[in-house]
């Protein structure tokens, strides 16, 4: 059931016909892209128990730079979370860095241009 929900959510992110690049399944803090671009969305799968918090930066690391979106927390019991900017992408100028905090496991994919 968890995979079916994941497939459905990914299809919803891509249904607008706008082409976006996608990362592979990520499990830790990640520099997604260096330079300018647009964040289209993030799809997160929790371990079903532990909350996951994502901090999204316009930078090449979490050490400095502008936090693009206030901390986003997904309740672990919700199993997944979708953040979509498909119709109004969130722009970044220096880079796109995702900082992940959880005591459990997490998998996520980032959609961007």
N, C-alpha and C. Protein backbone atom coordinates (compact mmCIF):
# COMPACT_ATOMS: atom_id res chain seq x y z
N UNK A 1 0.83 -1.19 0.00
CA UNK A 1 0.00 0.00 0.00
C UNK A 1 0.87 1.26 0.00
N UNK A 2 1.98 1.21 0.76
CA UNK A 2 2.87 2.36 0.86
C UNK A 2 3.44 2.73 -0.52
N UNK A 3 3.81 1.71 -1.31
CA UNK A 3 4.35 1.98 -2.64
C UNK A 3 3.28 2.53 -3.57
N UNK A 4 2.06 2.07 -3.44
CA UNK A 4 0.96 2.57 -4.26
C UNK A 4 0.72 4.04 -3.97
N UNK A 5 0.74 4.41 -2.70
CA UNK A 5 0.57 5.81 -2.33
C UNK A 5 1.72 6.64 -2.89
N UNK A 6 2.93 6.11 -2.81
CA UNK A 6 4.10 6.82 -3.33
C UNK A 6 3.98 7.05 -4.83
N UNK A 7 3.58 6.04 -5.56
CA UNK A 7 3.43 6.18 -7.01
C UNK A 7 2.35 7.20 -7.33
N UNK A 8 1.25 7.16 -6.62
CA UNK A 8 0.17 8.12 -6.85
C UNK A 8 0.65 9.55 -6.60
N UNK A 9 1.36 9.77 -5.51
CA UNK A 9 1.83 11.11 -5.19
C UNK A 9 2.81 11.63 -6.24
N UNK A 10 3.70 10.77 -6.71
CA UNK A 10 4.65 11.17 -7.74
C UNK A 10 3.92 11.53 -9.02
N UNK A 11 2.94 10.75 -9.38
CA UNK A 11 2.14 11.06 -10.57
C UNK A 11 1.43 12.39 -10.43
N UNK A 12 0.95 12.69 -9.23
CA UNK A 12 0.28 13.97 -9.00
C UNK A 12 1.25 15.14 -9.18
N UNK A 13 2.49 14.95 -8.75
CA UNK A 13 3.49 16.01 -8.91
C UNK A 13 3.79 16.27 -10.38
N UNK A 14 3.71 15.24 -11.18
CA UNK A 14 4.11 15.35 -12.58
C UNK A 14 2.95 15.56 -13.54
N UNK A 15 1.73 15.61 -13.05
CA UNK A 15 0.56 15.61 -13.92
C UNK A 15 0.36 16.90 -14.70
N UNK A 16 1.04 17.96 -14.34
CA UNK A 16 0.80 19.24 -15.02
C UNK A 16 1.42 19.30 -16.40
N UNK A 17 2.28 18.36 -16.74
CA UNK A 17 2.92 18.39 -18.05
C UNK A 17 4.18 19.21 -18.08
N UNK A 18 4.52 19.87 -16.97
CA UNK A 18 5.75 20.65 -16.90
C UNK A 18 6.90 19.69 -16.65
N UNK A 19 7.93 19.79 -17.47
CA UNK A 19 9.08 18.91 -17.31
C UNK A 19 9.92 19.38 -16.14
N UNK A 20 10.26 18.49 -15.26
CA UNK A 20 11.14 18.80 -14.14
C UNK A 20 12.13 17.66 -13.98
N UNK A 21 13.33 17.99 -13.54
CA UNK A 21 14.31 16.97 -13.21
C UNK A 21 13.92 16.39 -11.87
N UNK A 22 14.39 15.17 -11.62
CA UNK A 22 14.08 14.51 -10.36
C UNK A 22 15.33 13.84 -9.85
N UNK A 23 15.55 13.93 -8.55
CA UNK A 23 16.65 13.20 -7.95
C UNK A 23 16.28 11.73 -7.83
N UNK A 24 17.26 10.90 -7.62
CA UNK A 24 16.99 9.52 -7.24
C UNK A 24 16.46 9.54 -5.81
N UNK A 25 16.15 8.38 -5.27
CA UNK A 25 15.67 8.34 -3.89
C UNK A 25 16.83 8.71 -2.96
N UNK A 26 16.62 9.75 -2.17
CA UNK A 26 17.63 10.25 -1.25
C UNK A 26 17.28 9.85 0.17
N UNK A 27 18.30 9.75 1.03
CA UNK A 27 18.05 9.33 2.41
C UNK A 27 18.76 10.21 3.44
N UNK A 28 19.46 11.24 3.00
CA UNK A 28 20.22 12.10 3.92
C UNK A 28 20.33 13.51 3.36
N UNK A 29 20.94 14.42 4.14
CA UNK A 29 21.17 15.78 3.68
C UNK A 29 21.81 15.75 2.30
N UNK A 30 21.35 16.66 1.41
CA UNK A 30 21.79 16.58 0.02
C UNK A 30 21.88 17.95 -0.63
N UNK A 31 22.96 18.16 -1.39
CA UNK A 31 23.05 19.28 -2.30
C UNK A 31 22.43 18.80 -3.61
N UNK A 32 21.26 19.32 -3.92
CA UNK A 32 20.52 18.87 -5.11
C UNK A 32 21.08 19.52 -6.37
N UNK A 33 21.34 20.83 -6.30
CA UNK A 33 21.80 21.55 -7.49
C UNK A 33 22.62 22.76 -7.07
N UNK A 34 23.65 23.07 -7.84
CA UNK A 34 24.43 24.29 -7.67
C UNK A 34 24.00 25.27 -8.74
N UNK A 35 23.85 26.54 -8.36
CA UNK A 35 23.44 27.56 -9.32
C UNK A 35 21.96 27.84 -9.23
N UNK A 36 21.46 28.61 -10.22
CA UNK A 36 20.06 29.01 -10.18
C UNK A 36 19.13 27.90 -10.67
N UNK A 37 17.89 27.97 -10.21
CA UNK A 37 16.89 27.00 -10.63
C UNK A 37 15.58 27.24 -9.94
N UNK A 38 14.69 26.26 -10.05
CA UNK A 38 13.37 26.36 -9.44
C UNK A 38 13.02 25.04 -8.77
N UNK A 39 12.55 25.14 -7.54
CA UNK A 39 12.07 23.97 -6.82
C UNK A 39 10.63 23.73 -7.23
N UNK A 40 10.34 22.54 -7.74
CA UNK A 40 8.98 22.18 -8.17
C UNK A 40 8.23 21.39 -7.11
N UNK A 41 8.95 20.59 -6.32
CA UNK A 41 8.28 19.81 -5.30
C UNK A 41 9.20 18.82 -4.62
N UNK A 42 8.73 18.29 -3.51
CA UNK A 42 9.45 17.26 -2.76
C UNK A 42 8.44 16.22 -2.32
N UNK A 43 8.81 14.96 -2.50
CA UNK A 43 7.97 13.84 -2.07
C UNK A 43 8.75 13.08 -1.01
N UNK A 44 8.17 12.92 0.19
CA UNK A 44 8.84 12.30 1.32
C UNK A 44 8.08 11.06 1.77
N UNK A 45 8.83 9.98 2.01
CA UNK A 45 8.26 8.75 2.57
C UNK A 45 8.92 8.52 3.93
N UNK A 46 8.11 8.51 4.99
CA UNK A 46 8.64 8.29 6.35
C UNK A 46 8.71 6.79 6.62
N UNK A 47 9.24 6.46 7.80
CA UNK A 47 9.29 5.04 8.19
C UNK A 47 7.99 4.59 8.84
N UNK A 48 6.99 5.48 8.88
CA UNK A 48 5.69 5.14 9.45
C UNK A 48 5.58 5.39 10.94
N UNK A 49 6.68 5.81 11.56
CA UNK A 49 6.69 6.03 13.00
C UNK A 49 7.26 7.39 13.39
N UNK A 50 8.43 7.70 12.86
CA UNK A 50 9.18 8.89 13.28
C UNK A 50 8.93 10.09 12.38
N UNK A 51 8.76 11.26 13.02
CA UNK A 51 8.59 12.51 12.26
C UNK A 51 9.86 12.82 11.47
N UNK A 52 9.68 13.54 10.37
CA UNK A 52 10.79 13.98 9.52
C UNK A 52 10.66 15.50 9.35
N UNK A 53 11.77 16.22 9.53
CA UNK A 53 11.79 17.66 9.32
C UNK A 53 12.77 17.97 8.20
N UNK A 54 12.32 18.76 7.23
CA UNK A 54 13.18 19.20 6.13
C UNK A 54 13.36 20.71 6.23
N UNK A 55 14.60 21.14 6.09
CA UNK A 55 14.93 22.56 5.96
C UNK A 55 15.51 22.72 4.56
N UNK A 56 14.97 23.66 3.81
CA UNK A 56 15.31 23.83 2.39
C UNK A 56 16.02 25.16 2.22
N UNK A 57 17.26 25.11 1.72
CA UNK A 57 18.10 26.30 1.64
C UNK A 57 18.42 26.69 0.20
N UNK A 58 18.51 27.99 -0.03
CA UNK A 58 19.06 28.54 -1.26
C UNK A 58 20.55 28.73 -1.00
N UNK A 59 21.29 27.63 -1.08
CA UNK A 59 22.72 27.63 -0.79
C UNK A 59 23.29 26.27 -1.17
N UNK A 60 24.61 26.14 -1.03
CA UNK A 60 25.26 24.85 -1.31
C UNK A 60 25.48 24.05 -0.04
N UNK A 61 25.05 24.57 1.12
CA UNK A 61 25.11 23.84 2.38
C UNK A 61 24.09 24.45 3.34
N UNK A 62 23.94 23.81 4.49
CA UNK A 62 23.02 24.33 5.50
C UNK A 62 23.70 25.32 6.43
N UNK A 63 24.99 25.56 6.25
CA UNK A 63 25.74 26.41 7.16
C UNK A 63 25.41 27.88 7.02
N UNK A 64 25.02 28.29 5.85
CA UNK A 64 24.70 29.70 5.61
C UNK A 64 23.66 29.76 4.50
N UNK A 65 23.29 30.95 4.14
CA UNK A 65 22.34 31.08 3.05
C UNK A 65 20.92 31.28 3.55
N UNK A 66 20.06 31.46 2.60
CA UNK A 66 18.66 31.76 2.88
C UNK A 66 17.84 30.48 2.98
N UNK A 67 17.09 30.36 4.07
CA UNK A 67 16.16 29.23 4.17
C UNK A 67 14.97 29.58 3.29
N UNK A 68 14.72 28.79 2.27
CA UNK A 68 13.67 29.10 1.29
C UNK A 68 12.28 28.94 1.87
N UNK A 69 12.11 27.94 2.70
CA UNK A 69 10.80 27.61 3.26
C UNK A 69 11.00 27.33 4.74
N UNK A 70 10.13 27.80 5.61
CA UNK A 70 10.28 27.46 7.03
C UNK A 70 10.31 25.94 7.20
N UNK A 71 10.92 25.47 8.26
CA UNK A 71 11.03 24.03 8.50
C UNK A 71 9.70 23.34 8.22
N UNK A 72 9.78 22.26 7.46
CA UNK A 72 8.60 21.49 7.09
C UNK A 72 8.67 20.15 7.80
N UNK A 73 7.70 19.85 8.64
CA UNK A 73 7.69 18.60 9.40
C UNK A 73 6.56 17.71 8.92
N UNK A 74 6.91 16.46 8.64
CA UNK A 74 5.94 15.44 8.22
C UNK A 74 5.76 14.50 9.40
N UNK A 75 4.54 14.31 9.84
CA UNK A 75 4.24 13.38 10.92
C UNK A 75 4.58 11.97 10.44
N UNK A 76 5.38 11.26 11.21
CA UNK A 76 5.80 9.91 10.83
C UNK A 76 4.64 8.98 10.58
N UNK A 77 3.57 9.12 11.33
CA UNK A 77 2.41 8.25 11.17
C UNK A 77 1.68 8.51 9.85
N UNK A 78 1.92 9.68 9.23
CA UNK A 78 1.28 9.99 7.95
C UNK A 78 1.89 9.21 6.80
N UNK A 79 3.04 8.60 6.98
CA UNK A 79 3.74 7.77 6.01
C UNK A 79 4.37 8.55 4.86
N UNK A 80 3.73 9.59 4.38
CA UNK A 80 4.31 10.36 3.28
C UNK A 80 3.87 11.82 3.37
N UNK A 81 4.62 12.67 2.67
CA UNK A 81 4.27 14.08 2.59
C UNK A 81 4.65 14.61 1.21
N UNK A 82 3.86 15.52 0.69
CA UNK A 82 4.11 16.11 -0.63
C UNK A 82 4.09 17.62 -0.50
N UNK A 83 5.15 18.25 -0.98
CA UNK A 83 5.24 19.70 -1.03
C UNK A 83 5.36 20.04 -2.51
N UNK A 84 4.37 20.73 -3.06
CA UNK A 84 4.35 20.99 -4.50
C UNK A 84 4.27 22.48 -4.80
N UNK A 85 5.17 22.91 -5.69
CA UNK A 85 5.17 24.28 -6.20
C UNK A 85 5.01 24.23 -7.71
N UNK A 86 4.29 23.26 -8.21
CA UNK A 86 4.22 23.01 -9.65
C UNK A 86 3.73 24.21 -10.43
N UNK A 87 2.74 24.93 -9.93
CA UNK A 87 2.19 26.05 -10.67
C UNK A 87 2.85 27.38 -10.34
N UNK A 88 3.63 27.41 -9.27
CA UNK A 88 4.37 28.62 -8.89
C UNK A 88 5.69 28.18 -8.25
N UNK A 89 6.66 27.74 -9.07
CA UNK A 89 7.91 27.21 -8.53
C UNK A 89 8.63 28.21 -7.63
N UNK A 90 9.30 27.68 -6.64
CA UNK A 90 10.09 28.48 -5.69
C UNK A 90 11.50 28.60 -6.25
N UNK A 91 11.92 29.83 -6.58
CA UNK A 91 13.23 30.04 -7.20
C UNK A 91 14.37 30.04 -6.20
N UNK A 92 15.56 29.61 -6.67
CA UNK A 92 16.78 29.69 -5.88
C UNK A 92 17.91 30.19 -6.77
N UNK A 93 18.90 30.88 -6.18
CA UNK A 93 19.95 31.51 -6.96
C UNK A 93 21.33 30.93 -6.76
N UNK A 94 21.63 30.45 -5.56
CA UNK A 94 22.97 29.93 -5.25
C UNK A 94 23.02 28.42 -5.40
N UNK A 95 21.98 27.76 -4.98
CA UNK A 95 21.92 26.30 -5.03
C UNK A 95 20.69 25.83 -4.28
N UNK A 96 20.48 24.53 -4.30
CA UNK A 96 19.34 23.93 -3.60
C UNK A 96 19.88 22.85 -2.68
N UNK A 97 19.78 23.09 -1.38
CA UNK A 97 20.30 22.16 -0.38
C UNK A 97 19.16 21.74 0.55
N UNK A 98 19.02 20.44 0.77
CA UNK A 98 17.98 19.90 1.64
C UNK A 98 18.64 19.31 2.88
N UNK A 99 18.24 19.81 4.04
CA UNK A 99 18.74 19.32 5.33
C UNK A 99 17.62 18.50 5.97
N UNK A 100 17.90 17.22 6.27
CA UNK A 100 16.88 16.30 6.79
C UNK A 100 17.20 15.93 8.23
N UNK A 101 16.16 15.96 9.08
CA UNK A 101 16.32 15.56 10.47
C UNK A 101 15.25 14.54 10.83
N UNK A 102 15.68 13.38 11.34
CA UNK A 102 14.77 12.35 11.83
C UNK A 102 15.56 11.36 12.68
N UNK A 103 14.89 10.69 13.60
CA UNK A 103 15.55 9.64 14.37
C UNK A 103 15.34 8.29 13.71
N UNK A 104 14.49 8.24 12.70
CA UNK A 104 14.21 7.00 11.98
C UNK A 104 14.83 7.04 10.60
N UNK A 105 14.16 6.42 9.66
CA UNK A 105 14.64 6.41 8.27
C UNK A 105 13.67 7.21 7.41
N UNK A 106 14.19 7.74 6.32
CA UNK A 106 13.38 8.54 5.41
C UNK A 106 13.91 8.35 4.00
N UNK A 107 13.02 8.43 3.04
CA UNK A 107 13.36 8.46 1.63
C UNK A 107 12.64 9.64 1.03
N UNK A 108 13.33 10.40 0.16
CA UNK A 108 12.66 11.53 -0.47
C UNK A 108 13.20 11.77 -1.87
N UNK A 109 12.38 12.40 -2.69
CA UNK A 109 12.75 12.78 -4.05
C UNK A 109 12.47 14.26 -4.21
N UNK A 110 13.35 14.95 -4.92
CA UNK A 110 13.22 16.38 -5.13
C UNK A 110 13.00 16.63 -6.63
N UNK A 111 12.01 17.44 -6.95
CA UNK A 111 11.70 17.81 -8.33
C UNK A 111 12.09 19.26 -8.53
N UNK A 112 12.89 19.52 -9.57
CA UNK A 112 13.43 20.88 -9.77
C UNK A 112 13.74 21.12 -11.24
N UNK A 113 13.95 22.36 -11.58
CA UNK A 113 14.42 22.75 -12.91
C UNK A 113 15.76 23.42 -12.74
